[in-house]
Amino acid sequence: MKLKDIIKGLDILNIKGDIDLNIEDIHYDSRKVSENSLFICVKGFNLDGHKFIQDALDKGSKAFIVEDDVYIDGYTFVKVKNTRKAMAKISSNFFANPTKHLNLIGVTGTNGKTTITYLLKDVLEYNNEKVGLIGTIKNIIGKREIISSRTTPESIELQKYFREMLENGNNYCVMEVSSHSLELNRVDNCEFKIGIFTNLTEEHLDFHKNLDEYRMAKEKLFYKTTVGNLINIDDIYGKKIYNSIKNLEVPVLTYGIEGDADIKAENVKIYSTGVEYKLITPKYELDVYVPISGRFTVYNSLAVIGACYLMDIPKEAILEGLKNTKGVPGRFESVNSSKGFSVIIDYAHTPDAIENILKTAREFVKGKIITVFGCGGDRDKTKRPLMGSISQKYSDLTIVTSDNPRTEDPVKIIEDILRGIDDSKQDYEVIIDRREAINNAINRAESGDIVIIAGKGHENYQIIGREKIHFDDKEVVIEILGEE
């Protein structure tokens, strides 16, 4: 592809060199550069791509997108104001604007994104659609699965995946859209059919200055849609987003349980094996069953139903797709046990998420709730005491342990958590080693109890220092239980 076509639509400050070059690939990581490629010099939080120009040049790059004044004779340098923003447009151009030909549905919010995308994929596939998925656990293109390194990939990978989906025959893609991706231009030049907002709670305040800034980042998604938007109106920040976008040209529908909503659940019943409720929409009413427990499942399934409603998916496919869903790995995932108590693995790593799973367990537990959790290092510290307080409030026993400490001292992280715990009560323990903590919880469980292991869910590793070590909560549980 000609460089002049790749850079079409960019806000270019100046060009030095030939733009009639043939470009065979595009990269922002100099380690991946190949012959005749375009190298985009992105200024990141820790590294500046401009410092790797010589590396890219040595590996065969012929052209460069830069923010700084750089020029090397015999090569092409295109200067722009923001290379990260430019990269999104370049990526879309290079892969021939794939989202114009996909039914792309984006889900944003603090909690529920992964579950909604998986449920939506199940329902659409029940309706014989071919569906790709992009999200926290993995990216799915046909039979190919790529383990995720972040919730929303960088724009080059993202546009490449969309192109692969089209070549695979996919007509839909369901996608988690993180606030980082919206703020850092990763999803610029993506044409979404539908945007969904789940909720907003304490998370990523190490990146966003406050919850309002976090909300405004999420809100950007809803200006990128062409068919409609869905907003959880029971969420306080959902109400703010709705009031901000309700006059957009595309329809803005609400969903919820408590107040007035376009897509609403009534007569909600929660069991240990699932939820059921009466669905009210502007066009029809249905009795819905989803085989995943929890009030959060009601909200997640309402979001799925709302998206399908906007896309005119038959209500029969919605009902059967939800009824037959396989759920999501590491999301309120029950591990088989013949010992009379239950063990549940969940990704909950925010105050709101851990409160939701504990409240759900409280609705059907016959014995005690034993909760094992920790908090990640090098991340938002403000949520740590909140999670400690919530776990103590809803659990009979809380075991505070290590999560992904990264470069922080695990003891210091736990000290932050303990600031939210009433140390006058004898209902908590600290066991830093996560395997030992899980083992302790399971060995103390009795018939009728529920052991909840929160924070990591589907993750099969721990990050200690800068090293990623294999560690899978579910594997550890099965090993301790001695069952398959």
Protein backbone atom coordinates (compact mmCIF):
# COMPACT_ATOMS: atom_id res chain seq x y z
CA MET A 1 0.00 0.00 0.00
CA LYS A 2 1.28 3.47 -0.85
CA LEU A 3 2.31 5.66 2.08
CA LYS A 4 0.31 8.53 0.60
CA ASP A 5 -2.86 6.42 0.95
CA ILE A 6 -1.99 5.23 4.46
CA ILE A 7 -1.67 8.80 5.75
CA LYS A 8 -4.88 10.09 4.15
CA GLY A 9 -7.00 12.05 6.61
CA LEU A 10 -4.13 12.81 9.02
CA ASP A 11 -3.65 16.29 10.41
CA ILE A 12 -0.09 16.60 9.02
CA LEU A 13 2.27 19.34 10.19
CA ASN A 14 4.96 18.63 7.60
CA ILE A 15 6.42 15.92 5.38
CA LYS A 16 10.08 15.30 4.59
CA GLY A 17 10.79 12.66 2.00
CA ASP A 18 8.89 10.57 -0.55
CA ILE A 19 5.27 9.54 0.25
CA ASP A 20 4.91 7.46 -2.93
CA LEU A 21 6.65 4.58 -1.13
CA ASN A 22 5.23 1.06 -0.93
CA ILE A 23 4.58 0.12 2.71
CA GLU A 24 4.18 -3.56 3.58
CA ASP A 25 3.42 -3.29 7.32
CA ILE A 26 2.95 -0.81 10.18
CA HIS A 27 4.41 -0.98 13.69
CA TYR A 28 4.82 1.03 16.90
CA ASP A 29 7.13 -1.57 18.52
CA SER A 30 10.62 -1.48 17.01
CA ARG A 31 11.18 -5.13 17.98
CA LYS A 32 8.51 -6.17 15.46
CA VAL A 33 9.65 -3.99 12.57
CA SER A 34 10.11 -5.69 9.20
CA GLU A 35 11.44 -4.65 5.80
CA ASN A 36 9.61 -1.76 4.09
CA SER A 37 7.47 -0.99 7.12
CA LEU A 38 6.14 2.25 8.58
CA PHE A 39 7.26 2.93 12.15
CA ILE A 40 5.03 5.09 14.36
CA CYS A 41 6.91 6.84 17.17
CA VAL A 42 4.47 6.80 20.08
CA LYS A 43 5.27 8.62 23.31
CA GLY A 44 4.18 6.27 26.08
CA PHE A 45 4.21 6.56 29.86
CA ASN A 46 7.57 4.84 30.19
CA LEU A 47 9.11 4.79 26.71
CA ASP A 48 9.38 7.24 23.83
CA GLY A 49 9.22 5.65 20.38
CA HIS A 50 11.40 8.40 18.93
CA LYS A 51 14.35 6.86 20.78
CA PHE A 52 13.96 3.67 18.73
CA ILE A 53 14.07 5.22 15.27
CA GLN A 54 17.56 3.88 14.58
CA ASP A 55 16.51 0.37 15.66
CA ALA A 56 13.53 0.50 13.30
CA LEU A 57 15.68 1.91 10.51
CA ASP A 58 18.23 -0.91 10.93
CA LYS A 59 15.42 -3.48 10.60
CA GLY A 60 14.10 -2.05 7.36
CA SER A 61 11.67 0.78 8.10
CA LYS A 62 11.50 3.26 5.24
CA ALA A 63 9.10 5.81 6.75
CA PHE A 64 8.31 7.24 10.17
CA ILE A 65 5.41 9.04 11.84
CA VAL A 66 6.80 11.47 14.40
CA GLU A 67 5.86 14.27 16.79
CA ASP A 68 9.41 15.61 17.17
CA ASP A 69 11.54 17.37 14.56
CA VAL A 70 13.50 14.42 13.20
CA TYR A 71 14.94 13.81 9.76
CA ILE A 72 17.44 11.32 8.33
CA ASP A 73 18.41 11.76 4.70
CA GLY A 74 16.99 9.07 2.40
CA TYR A 75 13.97 8.25 4.58
CA THR A 76 10.48 9.71 4.94
CA PHE A 77 9.31 11.51 8.07
CA VAL A 78 5.70 12.62 8.52
CA LYS A 79 5.23 14.97 11.46
CA VAL A 80 1.87 15.09 13.28
CA LYS A 81 0.70 16.65 16.52
CA ASN A 82 -0.22 13.35 18.20
CA THR A 83 1.26 10.07 16.92
CA ARG A 84 -1.04 7.91 19.05
CA LYS A 85 -4.12 9.57 17.53
CA ALA A 86 -2.53 9.36 14.07
CA MET A 87 -1.87 5.64 14.60
CA ALA A 88 -5.60 4.93 14.91
CA LYS A 89 -6.34 6.59 11.57
CA ILE A 90 -3.33 4.98 9.89
CA SER A 91 -4.39 1.55 11.17
CA SER A 92 -7.93 1.97 9.89
CA ASN A 93 -6.62 3.10 6.48
CA PHE A 94 -4.06 0.29 6.24
CA PHE A 95 -6.63 -2.43 7.00
CA ALA A 96 -9.26 -0.85 4.71
CA ASN A 97 -11.66 0.52 7.34
CA PRO A 98 -12.98 -2.87 8.50
CA THR A 99 -15.54 -1.61 11.06
CA LYS A 100 -17.60 -0.10 8.25
CA HIS A 101 -18.47 -3.69 7.34
CA LEU A 102 -18.91 -5.15 10.86
CA ASN A 103 -21.77 -4.94 13.33
CA LEU A 104 -19.50 -3.71 16.13
CA ILE A 105 -21.01 -3.57 19.63
CA GLY A 106 -18.94 -1.89 22.35
CA VAL A 107 -19.40 -2.37 26.08
CA THR A 108 -17.90 0.05 28.59
CA GLY A 109 -18.15 0.49 32.37
CA THR A 110 -16.31 -0.71 35.45
CA ASN A 111 -17.96 -4.10 35.96
CA GLY A 112 -19.86 -6.51 33.73
CA LYS A 113 -18.11 -5.86 30.41
CA THR A 114 -16.68 -9.37 30.00
CA THR A 115 -19.87 -11.17 30.97
CA ILE A 116 -22.02 -9.04 28.68
CA THR A 117 -19.77 -9.69 25.67
CA TYR A 118 -19.80 -13.45 26.28
CA LEU A 119 -23.57 -13.58 26.81
CA LEU A 120 -24.13 -11.45 23.73
CA LYS A 121 -21.87 -13.71 21.69
CA ASP A 122 -23.89 -16.76 22.84
CA VAL A 123 -27.21 -15.14 21.91
CA LEU A 124 -26.03 -13.93 18.50
CA GLU A 125 -24.52 -17.32 17.69
CA TYR A 126 -27.81 -18.96 18.69
CA ASN A 127 -29.29 -16.74 15.97
CA ASN A 128 -26.73 -18.22 13.51
CA GLU A 129 -24.53 -15.13 13.37
CA LYS A 130 -20.74 -15.40 13.14
CA VAL A 131 -19.33 -13.41 16.04
CA GLY A 132 -15.84 -12.24 16.95
CA LEU A 133 -14.93 -11.09 20.45
CA ILE A 134 -12.38 -8.67 21.89
CA GLY A 135 -11.90 -8.41 25.63
CA THR A 136 -10.14 -8.92 28.92
CA ILE A 137 -9.78 -12.70 28.81
CA LYS A 138 -9.05 -13.31 25.14
CA ASN A 139 -9.74 -12.20 21.60
CA ILE A 140 -11.70 -14.70 19.50
CA ILE A 141 -11.62 -14.81 15.71
CA GLY A 142 -13.32 -17.94 14.41
CA LYS A 143 -11.46 -20.84 16.00
CA ARG A 144 -8.41 -18.68 16.73
CA GLU A 145 -8.04 -17.44 20.30
CA ILE A 146 -5.46 -14.86 21.34
CA ILE A 147 -4.86 -14.43 25.07
CA SER A 148 -5.31 -10.77 25.97
CA SER A 149 -2.62 -8.57 27.45
CA ARG A 150 -5.06 -5.69 27.99
CA THR A 151 -8.83 -5.20 27.84
CA THR A 152 -8.76 -3.27 24.56
CA PRO A 153 -5.78 -3.77 22.21
CA GLU A 154 -3.72 -0.95 20.72
CA SER A 155 -5.21 0.45 17.50
CA ILE A 156 -2.94 -1.47 15.09
CA GLU A 157 -3.79 -4.86 16.62
CA LEU A 158 -7.43 -3.85 16.91
CA GLN A 159 -7.89 -2.94 13.25
CA LYS A 160 -5.92 -6.04 12.22
CA TYR A 161 -8.29 -8.24 14.26
CA PHE A 162 -11.32 -6.57 12.68
CA ARG A 163 -9.92 -7.27 9.20
CA GLU A 164 -9.28 -10.92 10.15
CA MET A 165 -12.85 -11.20 11.43
CA LEU A 166 -14.22 -10.05 8.09
CA GLU A 167 -11.97 -12.49 6.24
CA ASN A 168 -13.22 -15.22 8.58
CA GLY A 169 -16.82 -14.42 7.65
CA ASN A 170 -17.76 -12.70 10.90
CA ASN A 171 -20.59 -10.20 10.61
CA TYR A 172 -20.60 -9.23 14.30
CA CYS A 173 -17.95 -8.29 16.84
CA VAL A 174 -18.66 -7.79 20.54
CA MET A 175 -15.99 -5.78 22.29
CA GLU A 176 -14.99 -4.53 25.72
CA VAL A 177 -14.05 -0.86 25.52
CA SER A 178 -11.85 0.34 28.38
CA SER A 179 -11.62 3.93 29.55
CA HIS A 180 -7.90 3.80 28.73
CA SER A 181 -8.67 2.88 25.12
CA LEU A 182 -11.12 5.77 24.80
CA GLU A 183 -8.78 8.27 26.43
CA LEU A 184 -5.69 7.07 24.53
CA ASN A 185 -7.35 7.03 21.07
CA ARG A 186 -7.15 3.26 20.57
CA VAL A 187 -10.76 3.07 19.34
CA ASP A 188 -10.66 6.23 17.23
CA ASN A 189 -11.90 5.48 13.68
CA CYS A 190 -13.95 2.51 14.92
CA GLU A 191 -17.55 2.66 13.75
CA PHE A 192 -19.70 1.14 16.49
CA LYS A 193 -23.27 0.14 15.81
CA ILE A 194 -24.19 0.05 19.52
CA GLY A 195 -22.62 1.28 22.75
CA ILE A 196 -23.48 -0.13 26.18
CA PHE A 197 -22.75 1.44 29.58
CA THR A 198 -22.80 -0.91 32.59
CA ASN A 199 -21.84 1.06 35.72
CA LEU A 200 -19.04 3.09 37.18
CA THR A 201 -17.31 2.55 40.53
CA GLU A 202 -13.89 3.10 42.14
CA GLU A 203 -11.32 1.90 39.60
CA HIS A 204 -8.41 3.29 37.59
CA LEU A 205 -8.14 6.41 39.73
CA ASP A 206 -4.40 6.04 39.33
CA PHE A 207 -4.99 6.99 35.68
CA HIS A 208 -8.07 9.23 35.86
CA LYS A 209 -7.99 12.10 38.35
CA ASN A 210 -11.47 11.43 39.73
CA LEU A 211 -14.72 9.58 39.01
CA ASP A 212 -16.12 12.39 36.87
CA GLU A 213 -13.06 12.32 34.62
CA TYR A 214 -13.41 8.52 34.50
CA ARG A 215 -17.07 8.92 33.49
CA MET A 216 -16.24 11.44 30.76
CA ALA A 217 -13.74 9.00 29.27
CA LYS A 218 -16.43 6.29 29.15
CA GLU A 219 -18.92 8.71 27.64
CA LYS A 220 -16.81 9.12 24.51
CA LEU A 221 -18.01 5.73 23.25
CA PHE A 222 -21.58 6.93 22.75
CA TYR A 223 -20.60 9.55 20.21
CA LYS A 224 -19.15 6.82 17.96
CA THR A 225 -22.35 4.79 17.40
CA THR A 226 -24.67 4.66 14.40
CA VAL A 227 -27.60 2.48 15.56
CA GLY A 228 -28.13 3.23 19.26
CA ASN A 229 -26.91 3.31 22.85
CA LEU A 230 -27.90 1.50 26.04
CA ILE A 231 -27.42 3.01 29.49
CA ASN A 232 -27.86 1.42 32.94
CA ILE A 233 -30.22 4.03 34.39
CA ASP A 234 -30.02 2.55 37.92
CA ASP A 235 -26.38 3.65 38.12
CA ILE A 236 -25.78 7.22 39.32
CA TYR A 237 -23.16 7.80 36.63
CA GLY A 238 -25.43 6.11 34.10
CA LYS A 239 -28.00 8.82 34.80
CA LYS A 240 -25.35 11.50 34.20
CA ILE A 241 -24.31 9.92 30.90
CA TYR A 242 -27.94 9.51 29.83
CA ASN A 243 -28.70 13.18 30.50
CA SER A 244 -25.60 14.15 28.53
CA ILE A 245 -26.32 12.03 25.44
CA LYS A 246 -30.11 11.62 25.39
CA ASN A 247 -30.52 14.11 22.54
CA LEU A 248 -28.10 12.37 20.18
CA GLU A 249 -29.42 11.51 16.72
CA VAL A 250 -29.21 7.77 17.45
CA PRO A 251 -31.72 6.22 19.91
CA VAL A 252 -30.61 6.13 23.55
CA LEU A 253 -32.41 3.39 25.51
CA THR A 254 -32.17 2.73 29.24
CA TYR A 255 -32.17 -0.54 31.15
CA GLY A 256 -32.61 -1.32 34.82
CA ILE A 257 -34.51 -2.90 37.67
CA GLU A 258 -35.31 -0.14 40.14
CA GLY A 259 -36.59 2.90 38.23
CA ASP A 260 -38.30 3.58 34.93
CA ALA A 261 -36.38 2.01 32.07
CA ASP A 262 -37.03 1.09 28.44
CA ILE A 263 -35.68 -2.42 29.00
CA LYS A 264 -36.76 -3.46 32.50
CA ALA A 265 -36.75 -6.52 34.76
CA GLU A 266 -39.61 -7.10 37.18
CA ASN A 267 -40.40 -9.89 39.67
CA VAL A 268 -36.70 -10.78 39.92
CA LYS A 269 -35.89 -14.11 41.57
CA ILE A 270 -32.34 -15.16 42.39
CA TYR A 271 -31.35 -18.77 42.99
CA SER A 272 -28.04 -20.48 43.54
CA THR A 273 -28.29 -21.84 39.98
CA GLY A 274 -29.45 -18.74 38.15
CA VAL A 275 -31.93 -15.86 37.87
CA GLU A 276 -35.38 -15.42 36.43
CA TYR A 277 -37.49 -12.31 35.85
CA LYS A 278 -40.23 -10.77 33.76
CA LEU A 279 -38.82 -8.67 30.93
CA ILE A 280 -40.63 -5.50 29.88
CA THR A 281 -39.69 -3.79 26.60
CA PRO A 282 -41.52 -1.18 24.49
CA LYS A 283 -42.60 -3.95 22.08
CA TYR A 284 -42.95 -7.17 24.07
CA GLU A 285 -42.79 -8.93 27.44
CA LEU A 286 -40.99 -12.20 28.17
CA ASP A 287 -40.17 -14.54 31.05
CA VAL A 288 -36.36 -14.76 31.13
CA TYR A 289 -34.08 -17.33 32.75
CA VAL A 290 -30.27 -17.14 32.85
CA PRO A 291 -28.25 -19.99 34.47
CA ILE A 292 -25.86 -17.62 36.30
CA SER A 293 -26.70 -16.45 39.80
CA GLY A 294 -26.64 -12.87 41.05
CA ARG A 295 -28.43 -9.56 40.73
CA PHE A 296 -25.57 -8.46 38.47
CA THR A 297 -26.63 -11.21 36.04
CA VAL A 298 -30.00 -9.49 35.70
CA TYR A 299 -28.29 -6.23 34.72
CA ASN A 300 -25.86 -7.98 32.37
CA SER A 301 -28.62 -9.89 30.61
CA LEU A 302 -30.76 -6.73 30.30
CA ALA A 303 -27.85 -5.07 28.48
CA VAL A 304 -27.63 -8.06 26.13
CA ILE A 305 -31.38 -7.99 25.51
CA GLY A 306 -31.28 -4.25 24.84
CA ALA A 307 -28.53 -4.64 22.25
CA CYS A 308 -30.42 -7.46 20.54
CA TYR A 309 -33.60 -5.37 20.66
CA LEU A 310 -31.85 -2.53 18.85
CA MET A 311 -30.41 -4.97 16.28
CA ASP A 312 -33.83 -6.62 15.70
CA ILE A 313 -32.67 -10.07 16.86
CA PRO A 314 -35.74 -12.33 17.26
CA LYS A 315 -36.94 -12.60 20.86
CA GLU A 316 -36.96 -16.40 20.62
CA ALA A 317 -33.20 -16.38 19.93
CA ILE A 318 -32.65 -14.01 22.85
CA LEU A 319 -34.54 -16.29 25.26
CA GLU A 320 -32.91 -19.52 24.14
CA GLY A 321 -29.45 -18.01 23.81
CA LEU A 322 -29.54 -16.73 27.39
CA LYS A 323 -31.04 -19.94 28.71
CA ASN A 324 -28.28 -22.02 27.14
CA THR A 325 -25.31 -19.78 27.84
CA LYS A 326 -22.17 -21.45 29.17
CA GLY A 327 -21.19 -18.46 31.29
CA VAL A 328 -17.75 -16.89 31.51
CA PRO A 329 -14.50 -18.36 32.88
CA GLY A 330 -13.66 -16.82 36.24
CA ARG A 331 -16.94 -14.93 36.58
CA PHE A 332 -18.87 -16.38 39.53
CA GLU A 333 -17.51 -19.73 38.40
CA SER A 334 -18.37 -22.63 40.67
CA VAL A 335 -15.77 -25.39 41.18
CA ASN A 336 -17.26 -28.85 41.66
CA SER A 337 -16.93 -30.18 45.19
CA SER A 338 -18.34 -33.30 46.86
CA LYS A 339 -17.50 -32.03 50.34
CA GLY A 340 -20.80 -30.27 51.03
CA PHE A 341 -19.57 -26.71 50.55
CA SER A 342 -19.22 -24.52 47.45
CA VAL A 343 -16.13 -22.83 46.04
CA ILE A 344 -16.62 -19.86 43.72
CA ILE A 345 -13.91 -18.18 41.64
CA ASP A 346 -14.57 -14.57 40.64
CA TYR A 347 -12.62 -11.75 38.99
CA ALA A 348 -14.09 -9.16 41.40
CA HIS A 349 -11.34 -6.63 42.02
CA THR A 350 -13.29 -3.44 42.72
CA PRO A 351 -15.41 -2.47 45.75
CA ASP A 352 -18.64 -2.67 43.78
CA ALA A 353 -17.81 -6.05 42.24
CA ILE A 354 -16.85 -7.72 45.52
CA GLU A 355 -19.97 -6.32 47.18
CA ASN A 356 -22.13 -7.71 44.38
CA ILE A 357 -20.75 -11.25 44.60
CA LEU A 358 -20.90 -11.32 48.40
CA LYS A 359 -24.49 -10.04 48.44
CA THR A 360 -25.39 -12.68 45.87
CA ALA A 361 -23.83 -15.44 47.96
CA ARG A 362 -25.59 -14.14 51.06
CA GLU A 363 -28.96 -14.66 49.36
CA PHE A 364 -28.60 -18.43 49.15
CA VAL A 365 -25.81 -19.54 51.51
CA LYS A 366 -26.89 -21.93 54.25
CA GLY A 367 -23.69 -21.71 56.27
CA LYS A 368 -20.79 -19.26 56.38
CA ILE A 369 -19.15 -17.14 53.69
CA ILE A 370 -15.36 -17.35 53.69
CA THR A 371 -13.75 -14.78 51.40
CA VAL A 372 -10.17 -14.80 50.12
CA PHE A 373 -8.98 -11.67 48.32
CA GLY A 374 -6.14 -9.20 47.84
CA CYS A 375 -5.49 -6.08 45.75
CA GLY A 376 -3.15 -5.51 42.83
CA GLY A 377 0.05 -3.51 43.23
CA ASP A 378 0.92 -0.39 41.22
CA ARG A 379 -2.79 0.32 40.86
CA ASP A 380 -5.42 2.51 42.49
CA LYS A 381 -4.76 2.47 46.25
CA THR A 382 -7.99 4.21 47.26
CA LYS A 383 -10.10 1.10 46.70
CA ARG A 384 -8.08 -1.13 49.03
CA PRO A 385 -9.61 -0.14 52.41
CA LEU A 386 -13.07 -0.02 50.79
CA MET A 387 -12.71 -3.64 49.68
CA GLY A 388 -11.51 -4.65 53.14
CA SER A 389 -14.54 -3.03 54.76
CA ILE A 390 -16.97 -4.61 52.29
CA SER A 391 -15.50 -8.09 52.67
CA GLN A 392 -15.70 -7.89 56.45
CA LYS A 393 -19.29 -6.61 56.30
CA TYR A 394 -20.65 -9.44 54.13
CA SER A 395 -18.32 -12.35 55.02
CA ASP A 396 -18.18 -14.48 58.13
CA LEU A 397 -14.43 -14.81 57.66
CA THR A 398 -12.14 -12.71 55.47
CA ILE A 399 -8.67 -13.94 54.57
CA VAL A 400 -6.59 -11.09 53.18
CA THR A 401 -3.84 -12.29 50.87
CA SER A 402 -1.66 -11.30 47.93
CA ASP A 403 -3.01 -10.69 44.42
CA ASN A 404 -0.63 -9.30 41.77
CA PRO A 405 1.72 -7.22 43.93
CA ARG A 406 3.84 -6.21 40.94
CA THR A 407 6.59 -3.89 42.16
CA GLU A 408 4.87 -3.05 45.45
CA ASP A 409 5.58 -4.77 48.76
CA PRO A 410 2.67 -7.20 49.38
CA VAL A 411 2.76 -6.34 53.09
CA LYS A 412 2.19 -2.66 52.30
CA ILE A 413 -0.76 -3.50 50.04
CA ILE A 414 -2.31 -5.61 52.79
CA GLU A 415 -1.77 -2.81 55.29
CA ASP A 416 -3.81 -0.54 53.00
CA ILE A 417 -6.62 -3.14 52.91
CA LEU A 418 -6.57 -3.53 56.69
CA ARG A 419 -7.25 0.19 57.14
CA GLY A 420 -10.82 -0.61 56.14
CA ILE A 421 -11.17 -3.55 58.55
CA ASP A 422 -12.31 -3.30 62.17
CA ASP A 423 -9.46 -5.01 64.01
CA SER A 424 -11.54 -5.35 67.18
CA LYS A 425 -13.43 -8.19 65.51
CA GLN A 426 -12.05 -11.71 65.22
CA ASP A 427 -13.42 -12.34 61.72
CA TYR A 428 -10.36 -11.80 59.54
CA GLU A 429 -6.88 -13.20 59.01
CA VAL A 430 -3.84 -12.25 56.97
CA ILE A 431 -2.07 -14.97 54.97
CA ILE A 432 0.28 -13.39 52.43
CA ASP A 433 0.93 -16.51 50.34
CA ARG A 434 -2.13 -16.90 48.07
CA ARG A 435 -1.93 -20.72 47.80
CA GLU A 436 -1.71 -21.02 51.56
CA ALA A 437 -4.64 -18.63 51.97
CA ILE A 438 -6.83 -20.65 49.60
CA ASN A 439 -5.81 -23.89 51.30
CA ASN A 440 -6.67 -22.43 54.72
CA ALA A 441 -10.10 -21.27 53.53
CA ILE A 442 -11.01 -24.62 51.99
CA ASN A 443 -9.81 -26.62 55.00
CA ARG A 444 -11.94 -24.46 57.31
CA ALA A 445 -15.09 -24.75 55.20
CA GLU A 446 -17.94 -26.93 56.44
CA SER A 447 -21.12 -28.29 54.88
CA GLY A 448 -23.34 -25.45 53.63
CA ASP A 449 -20.51 -22.90 53.50
CA ILE A 450 -19.36 -20.92 50.45
CA VAL A 451 -15.69 -20.13 49.84
CA ILE A 452 -15.27 -17.14 47.52
CA ILE A 453 -11.85 -16.55 45.97
CA ALA A 454 -11.91 -13.09 44.45
CA GLY A 455 -9.66 -10.84 42.42
CA LYS A 456 -8.07 -12.96 39.70
CA GLY A 457 -10.84 -15.02 38.11
CA HIS A 458 -9.64 -16.26 34.72
CA GLU A 459 -6.03 -15.11 35.22
CA ASN A 460 -3.53 -17.97 35.35
CA TYR A 461 -0.60 -15.99 36.72
CA GLN A 462 0.67 -13.79 39.51
CA ILE A 463 2.87 -10.78 38.79
CA ILE A 464 5.52 -10.53 41.48
CA GLY A 465 8.05 -7.78 40.87
CA ARG A 466 8.30 -7.72 37.09
CA GLU A 467 8.03 -11.50 36.75
CA LYS A 468 4.86 -13.30 35.68
CA ILE A 469 4.56 -16.62 37.54
CA HIS A 470 2.00 -19.31 36.70
CA PHE A 471 -0.79 -19.29 39.27
CA ASP A 472 -4.40 -20.30 38.59
CA ASP A 473 -6.93 -20.03 41.43
CA LYS A 474 -9.12 -22.72 39.88
CA GLU A 475 -6.19 -25.15 39.45
CA VAL A 476 -5.16 -24.57 43.07
CA VAL A 477 -8.71 -25.22 44.32
CA ILE A 478 -9.04 -28.45 42.32
CA GLU A 479 -5.66 -29.62 43.59
CA ILE A 480 -6.61 -28.91 47.23
CA LEU A 481 -10.01 -30.52 46.86
CA GLY A 482 -8.42 -33.53 45.16
CA GLU A 483 -11.21 -33.56 42.59
CA GLU A 484 -11.60 -33.06 38.87
